Amino acid sequence: MTHTIHVQRTAVVTGAARGIGAAVARRLAGDGLAVGVIDLDEADCADTVEAITSVGGAAPALAADVADEAAVTAAVTRIAAAFGPPAVLVNNAGIGPRADLVDMTTQQWDTVSGINLSGPFFAARAVCPHMVTAGWGRIVNMSSISAVGDAGRVDYASARAGLIGFTKSLALQLGPHGVTANTIAPGFVVSDMTRAWARRLGLSFKEFQRRAEQSIPVGRVGLPDDIAHTASFLVSPGGGFVSGQVIYVAGGPVD
């Protein structure tokens, strides 16, 4: 009689201190993966790590600015050394400040592009050799419904749209090596970003959500766990025939 030996896979999740990233990290840990938790400040990752380790999971926290090539590479190297080669990458880290085009500084454009587009490139490049060697891997890039156009955030929309092209290109290049790449494009999700948006409009977050619900076909706003559930499917062994796709998790169709 033969016995199958289960080898725990390792995932890397960026922007995992809170919100969507934290929910994804917790969900993947619940799926049995060791999860490298990356965010700008290691101390900010404490709640995510505690939620995972308190139920027996493995979750090292690492500080890294995803727009810093050397920092991202070093973080992935440390995770691989401690828990094994990464087989899953979820590029979640992102920022989305609002500014009209004429008021947008070059620095803001570069910062938003660096975090939202260069960051996923740095992380994917760092994990890709491990996945190709193993002949198995899953990459999930977090875009947004803003990728189809956002009048108040041309920098953010451009980076999120670019991430879709990046994902589709990865799917074509890495598919023959057993690696899938997909994009999740969330709609309105309860997060620090949407809370900040409400403050800018002078609305309570409760009122802001109520107004948003009126335009969402399913009649509610999204929660981080909605996104985590989708990510869980995409990185699962059963998701291996889905690649190069944009999945809008937005409560309805997106034009």
Protein backbone atom coordinates (compact mmCIF):
# COMPACT_ATOMS: atom_id res chain seq x y z
CA MET A 1 0.00 0.00 0.00
CA THR A 2 1.39 3.42 -0.92
CA HIS A 3 0.93 6.57 1.10
CA THR A 4 0.79 10.08 -0.28
CA ILE A 5 2.98 12.50 1.65
CA HIS A 6 1.42 15.94 1.87
CA VAL A 7 3.89 18.75 1.50
CA GLN A 8 2.69 22.10 2.78
CA ARG A 9 2.83 24.76 0.09
CA THR A 10 4.03 28.27 0.78
CA ALA A 11 2.20 31.43 -0.21
CA VAL A 12 3.31 35.05 -0.30
CA VAL A 13 0.68 37.76 0.24
CA THR A 14 1.60 41.43 -0.04
CA GLY A 15 -0.29 44.20 1.74
CA ALA A 16 -1.44 41.57 4.23
CA ALA A 17 -1.55 43.62 7.42
CA ARG A 18 -5.22 44.51 7.10
CA GLY A 19 -8.27 44.55 4.86
CA ILE A 20 -8.34 42.35 1.78
CA GLY A 21 -4.74 41.21 2.18
CA ALA A 22 -5.30 40.07 5.76
CA ALA A 23 -8.46 38.21 4.77
CA VAL A 24 -6.65 36.47 1.91
CA ALA A 25 -3.75 35.51 4.18
CA ARG A 26 -6.11 34.05 6.78
CA ARG A 27 -8.09 32.15 4.16
CA LEU A 28 -5.00 30.63 2.52
CA ALA A 29 -3.67 29.62 5.92
CA GLY A 30 -7.02 27.95 6.59
CA ASP A 31 -6.56 26.14 3.28
CA GLY A 32 -3.36 24.65 4.67
CA LEU A 33 -0.68 26.93 3.24
CA ALA A 34 2.16 28.56 5.11
CA VAL A 35 1.70 32.27 4.42
CA GLY A 36 4.44 34.86 4.21
CA VAL A 37 2.79 38.08 5.37
CA ILE A 38 4.39 41.13 3.75
CA ASP A 39 3.55 44.74 4.51
CA LEU A 40 5.31 48.06 4.90
CA ASP A 41 5.70 47.68 8.67
CA GLU A 42 6.26 44.30 10.28
CA ALA A 43 4.53 45.41 13.49
CA ASP A 44 1.34 46.13 11.54
CA CYS A 45 1.20 42.46 10.55
CA ALA A 46 0.79 41.30 14.16
CA ASP A 47 -2.99 40.82 14.02
CA THR A 48 -2.83 38.82 10.80
CA VAL A 49 -0.03 36.65 12.13
CA GLU A 50 -1.82 36.10 15.44
CA ALA A 51 -5.04 35.10 13.67
CA ILE A 52 -3.13 32.46 11.72
CA THR A 53 -0.72 31.14 14.36
CA SER A 54 -3.42 30.96 17.05
CA VAL A 55 -5.06 28.16 15.10
CA GLY A 56 -1.83 26.34 14.33
CA GLY A 57 -0.86 27.98 11.05
CA ALA A 58 2.52 29.29 9.96
CA ALA A 59 2.77 32.98 9.10
CA PRO A 60 6.09 34.79 9.13
CA ALA A 61 5.78 38.59 8.94
CA LEU A 62 8.22 40.59 6.86
CA ALA A 63 8.53 44.32 6.30
CA ALA A 64 9.02 45.38 2.71
CA ASP A 65 8.05 48.29 0.53
CA VAL A 66 6.78 46.47 -2.56
CA ALA A 67 8.05 49.33 -4.73
CA ASP A 68 11.58 48.56 -3.50
CA GLU A 69 13.06 45.88 -5.74
CA ALA A 70 15.75 44.78 -3.28
CA ALA A 71 13.34 44.64 -0.34
CA VAL A 72 10.84 42.46 -2.20
CA THR A 73 13.54 40.09 -3.44
CA ALA A 74 15.00 39.78 0.06
CA ALA A 75 11.59 39.09 1.61
CA VAL A 76 10.82 36.30 -0.85
CA THR A 77 14.27 34.80 -0.28
CA ARG A 78 13.70 34.76 3.49
CA ILE A 79 10.29 33.15 3.15
CA ALA A 80 11.66 30.49 0.80
CA ALA A 81 14.53 29.70 3.18
CA ALA A 82 12.27 29.37 6.20
CA PHE A 83 9.19 27.65 4.81
CA GLY A 84 10.07 26.36 1.36
CA PRO A 85 9.84 27.75 -2.17
CA PRO A 86 6.74 29.90 -2.72
CA ALA A 87 4.11 28.18 -4.85
CA VAL A 88 1.47 30.90 -4.50
CA LEU A 89 1.72 34.67 -4.86
CA VAL A 90 -1.07 37.15 -4.17
CA ASN A 91 -0.09 40.69 -5.13
CA ASN A 92 -2.51 42.71 -3.05
CA ALA A 93 -0.56 45.77 -1.87
CA GLY A 94 -1.86 48.98 -3.38
CA ILE A 95 -2.73 52.61 -2.79
CA GLY A 96 -5.27 54.85 -4.50
CA PRO A 97 -5.22 58.52 -3.51
CA ARG A 98 -7.57 60.78 -5.41
CA ALA A 99 -6.49 63.84 -7.38
CA ASP A 100 -7.56 65.63 -10.53
CA LEU A 101 -5.16 65.32 -13.43
CA VAL A 102 -4.03 68.95 -13.29
CA ASP A 103 -3.36 68.68 -9.54
CA MET A 104 -1.55 65.35 -9.71
CA THR A 105 2.16 65.58 -9.07
CA THR A 106 4.71 63.49 -10.88
CA GLN A 107 5.69 62.11 -7.49
CA GLN A 108 2.16 60.85 -6.86
CA TRP A 109 2.03 59.24 -10.32
CA ASP A 110 5.37 57.52 -9.74
CA THR A 111 4.45 56.39 -6.22
CA VAL A 112 1.11 54.91 -7.27
CA SER A 113 2.64 53.22 -10.31
CA GLY A 114 5.53 51.92 -8.24
CA ILE A 115 3.36 50.27 -5.61
CA ASN A 116 0.48 49.11 -7.82
CA LEU A 117 2.37 47.96 -10.90
CA SER A 118 6.11 47.71 -10.30
CA GLY A 119 5.52 45.95 -6.98
CA PRO A 120 3.68 43.00 -8.55
CA PHE A 121 6.43 42.78 -11.17
CA PHE A 122 9.16 42.61 -8.54
CA ALA A 123 7.29 39.98 -6.52
CA ALA A 124 6.36 37.84 -9.54
CA ARG A 125 9.91 37.93 -10.82
CA ALA A 126 11.19 36.81 -7.42
CA VAL A 127 8.80 33.86 -7.03
CA CYS A 128 8.63 32.75 -10.66
CA PRO A 129 11.84 30.67 -10.70
CA HIS A 130 10.58 28.65 -7.72
CA MET A 131 7.29 27.92 -9.44
CA VAL A 132 8.87 27.00 -12.76
CA THR A 133 11.29 24.65 -11.01
CA ALA A 134 8.41 22.97 -9.18
CA GLY A 135 6.26 22.84 -12.32
CA TRP A 136 3.35 24.30 -10.33
CA GLY A 137 2.34 27.77 -9.24
CA ARG A 138 -0.47 30.25 -8.79
CA ILE A 139 -0.26 34.02 -9.19
CA VAL A 140 -3.18 36.28 -8.32
CA ASN A 141 -2.91 40.02 -8.95
CA MET A 142 -5.38 42.35 -7.26
CA SER A 143 -6.70 44.93 -9.71
CA SER A 144 -9.91 46.95 -9.38
CA ILE A 145 -13.05 47.94 -11.24
CA SER A 146 -11.20 51.27 -11.60
CA ALA A 147 -9.21 49.55 -14.36
CA VAL A 148 -12.08 50.30 -16.73
CA GLY A 149 -11.79 54.02 -15.92
CA ASP A 150 -11.80 56.24 -12.84
CA ALA A 151 -12.20 59.98 -13.33
CA GLY A 152 -10.73 60.81 -9.94
CA ARG A 153 -7.70 58.52 -10.09
CA VAL A 154 -6.08 58.37 -13.50
CA ASP A 155 -2.84 57.10 -11.93
CA TYR A 156 -4.55 54.30 -10.02
CA ALA A 157 -6.76 53.31 -12.96
CA SER A 158 -3.77 53.21 -15.30
CA ALA A 159 -1.76 51.00 -12.95
CA ARG A 160 -4.69 48.66 -12.33
CA ALA A 161 -5.34 48.36 -16.06
CA GLY A 162 -1.66 47.69 -16.63
CA LEU A 163 -1.82 44.92 -14.08
CA ILE A 164 -4.43 43.16 -16.20
CA GLY A 165 -2.10 43.18 -19.21
CA PHE A 166 0.73 41.99 -16.99
CA THR A 167 -1.42 39.12 -15.73
CA LYS A 168 -2.49 37.97 -19.17
CA SER A 169 1.12 38.06 -20.36
CA LEU A 170 2.23 35.98 -17.37
CA ALA A 171 -0.49 33.45 -18.12
CA LEU A 172 0.79 33.04 -21.68
CA GLN A 173 4.43 32.82 -20.66
CA LEU A 174 4.13 30.65 -17.57
CA GLY A 175 1.25 28.35 -18.53
CA PRO A 176 3.56 25.76 -20.14
CA HIS A 177 5.39 25.54 -16.79
CA GLY A 178 2.28 24.67 -14.79
CA VAL A 179 1.79 28.20 -13.47
CA THR A 180 -1.51 30.08 -13.71
CA ALA A 181 -1.97 33.84 -13.42
CA ASN A 182 -5.27 35.60 -12.83
CA THR A 183 -6.59 38.97 -11.77
CA ILE A 184 -9.26 39.74 -9.21
CA ALA A 185 -10.92 43.12 -9.73
CA PRO A 186 -12.88 44.06 -6.59
CA GLY A 187 -15.73 46.52 -6.61
CA PHE A 188 -16.75 48.44 -3.48
CA VAL A 189 -15.20 46.56 -0.57
CA VAL A 190 -15.15 47.64 3.06
CA SER A 191 -11.54 48.74 3.53
CA ASP A 192 -9.29 51.57 4.64
CA MET A 193 -9.40 52.88 1.07
CA THR A 194 -13.19 53.16 0.95
CA ARG A 195 -13.28 54.62 4.45
CA ALA A 196 -10.83 57.32 3.33
CA TRP A 197 -13.01 57.96 0.29
CA ALA A 198 -16.03 58.53 2.55
CA ARG A 199 -14.07 60.98 4.69
CA ARG A 200 -13.05 62.97 1.62
CA LEU A 201 -16.71 63.27 0.66
CA GLY A 202 -17.67 64.33 4.18
CA LEU A 203 -19.89 61.28 4.68
CA SER A 204 -20.14 58.78 7.47
CA PHE A 205 -18.94 55.38 6.32
CA LYS A 206 -22.41 53.96 7.03
CA GLU A 207 -24.03 56.51 4.73
CA PHE A 208 -21.33 56.00 2.10
CA GLN A 209 -22.00 52.26 2.08
CA ARG A 210 -25.77 52.84 1.89
CA ARG A 211 -25.35 54.96 -1.22
CA ALA A 212 -23.00 52.44 -2.79
CA GLU A 213 -25.45 49.59 -2.17
CA GLN A 214 -28.06 51.37 -4.32
CA SER A 215 -25.91 50.91 -7.42
CA ILE A 216 -24.80 47.32 -6.74
CA PRO A 217 -27.12 44.67 -8.23
CA VAL A 218 -26.82 42.24 -5.31
CA GLY A 219 -27.76 45.04 -2.93
CA ARG A 220 -24.77 45.07 -0.62
CA VAL A 221 -21.16 46.16 -0.53
CA GLY A 222 -18.31 43.68 -0.61
CA LEU A 223 -16.35 42.36 2.32
CA PRO A 224 -12.69 41.32 2.37
CA ASP A 225 -13.78 37.71 2.80
CA ASP A 226 -15.60 37.89 -0.56
CA ILE A 227 -12.28 38.56 -2.23
CA ALA A 228 -10.47 35.96 -0.11
CA HIS A 229 -12.96 33.29 -1.18
CA THR A 230 -12.25 34.00 -4.85
CA ALA A 231 -8.49 33.99 -4.26
CA SER A 232 -8.80 30.65 -2.47
CA PHE A 233 -10.38 29.07 -5.54
CA LEU A 234 -7.87 30.55 -7.97
CA VAL A 235 -4.85 29.26 -6.04
CA SER A 236 -6.35 25.84 -5.36
CA PRO A 237 -5.30 22.71 -7.26
CA GLY A 238 -8.81 22.67 -8.72
CA GLY A 239 -8.31 26.11 -10.25
CA GLY A 240 -5.62 24.95 -12.63
CA PHE A 241 -7.66 25.37 -15.82
CA VAL A 242 -8.41 29.02 -15.12
CA SER A 243 -5.64 31.36 -16.25
CA GLY A 244 -5.28 34.80 -17.77
CA GLN A 245 -8.71 35.83 -16.52
CA VAL A 246 -10.09 38.97 -14.90
CA ILE A 247 -12.70 38.10 -12.30
CA TYR A 248 -14.79 41.06 -11.22
CA VAL A 249 -15.90 40.52 -7.64
CA ALA A 250 -18.23 43.47 -7.57
CA GLY A 251 -21.77 42.30 -6.93
CA GLY A 252 -22.73 42.55 -10.57
CA PRO A 253 -21.40 43.03 -14.10
CA VAL A 254 -18.79 45.67 -14.85
CA ASP A 255 -18.73 47.47 -18.21
